[in-house]
């Protein structure tokens, strides 16, 4: 998957860390350096729409208080830019208590991010949906795709592409140009 961390163990180097530990270390590193988060796509698993997270806004307590706010905001901005330019879902999430430690520090980072997101939404560059809205849209397009008797002009992709053409940009359902906040 593009954007996923590649570890030395994948080329034969053995170390004493588990894959989970390496993923955790990679995520810590990504937070400190402000690397670009991944875009995700929803999928259907056992009848439930699964929406993986792109970026968890971690609380600023313990060792995490040393993650610079500029790095946190840089990651959020890179995710916005990536979803604006490419297709996918940028799913930002956090627990409300994550904003409490070192208050109002993270609240300010999130507020700045939401201001920038608002500009992109108002300009029509991205859409902002709740997880419920994204799941409902995914289900409606998945159901419509399964109806083979529909004329091509009424397929979900055609509907999305025709509305996108009038708004100035190509879109397909598989590649959302939106951000999901959950």
Foldseek 3Di string as FASTA:
>chain_A
DPPDDDDPVVVPDDDDDDPVRVNVVVLVVCQQQLDAWDFAFWDADPNFIDDDAREELAALDDPNVPRDLVSVLSRLVNNLVDLLVWFGEHEYEYDVCSCVVVPPSVVVSVVVSVVVVVVCVVLVSAAEEEPVVLRVVVVVLVVQVVDVVDPPCPRQQNVQQVVVVVVPDGDGNRTHSYYYYD
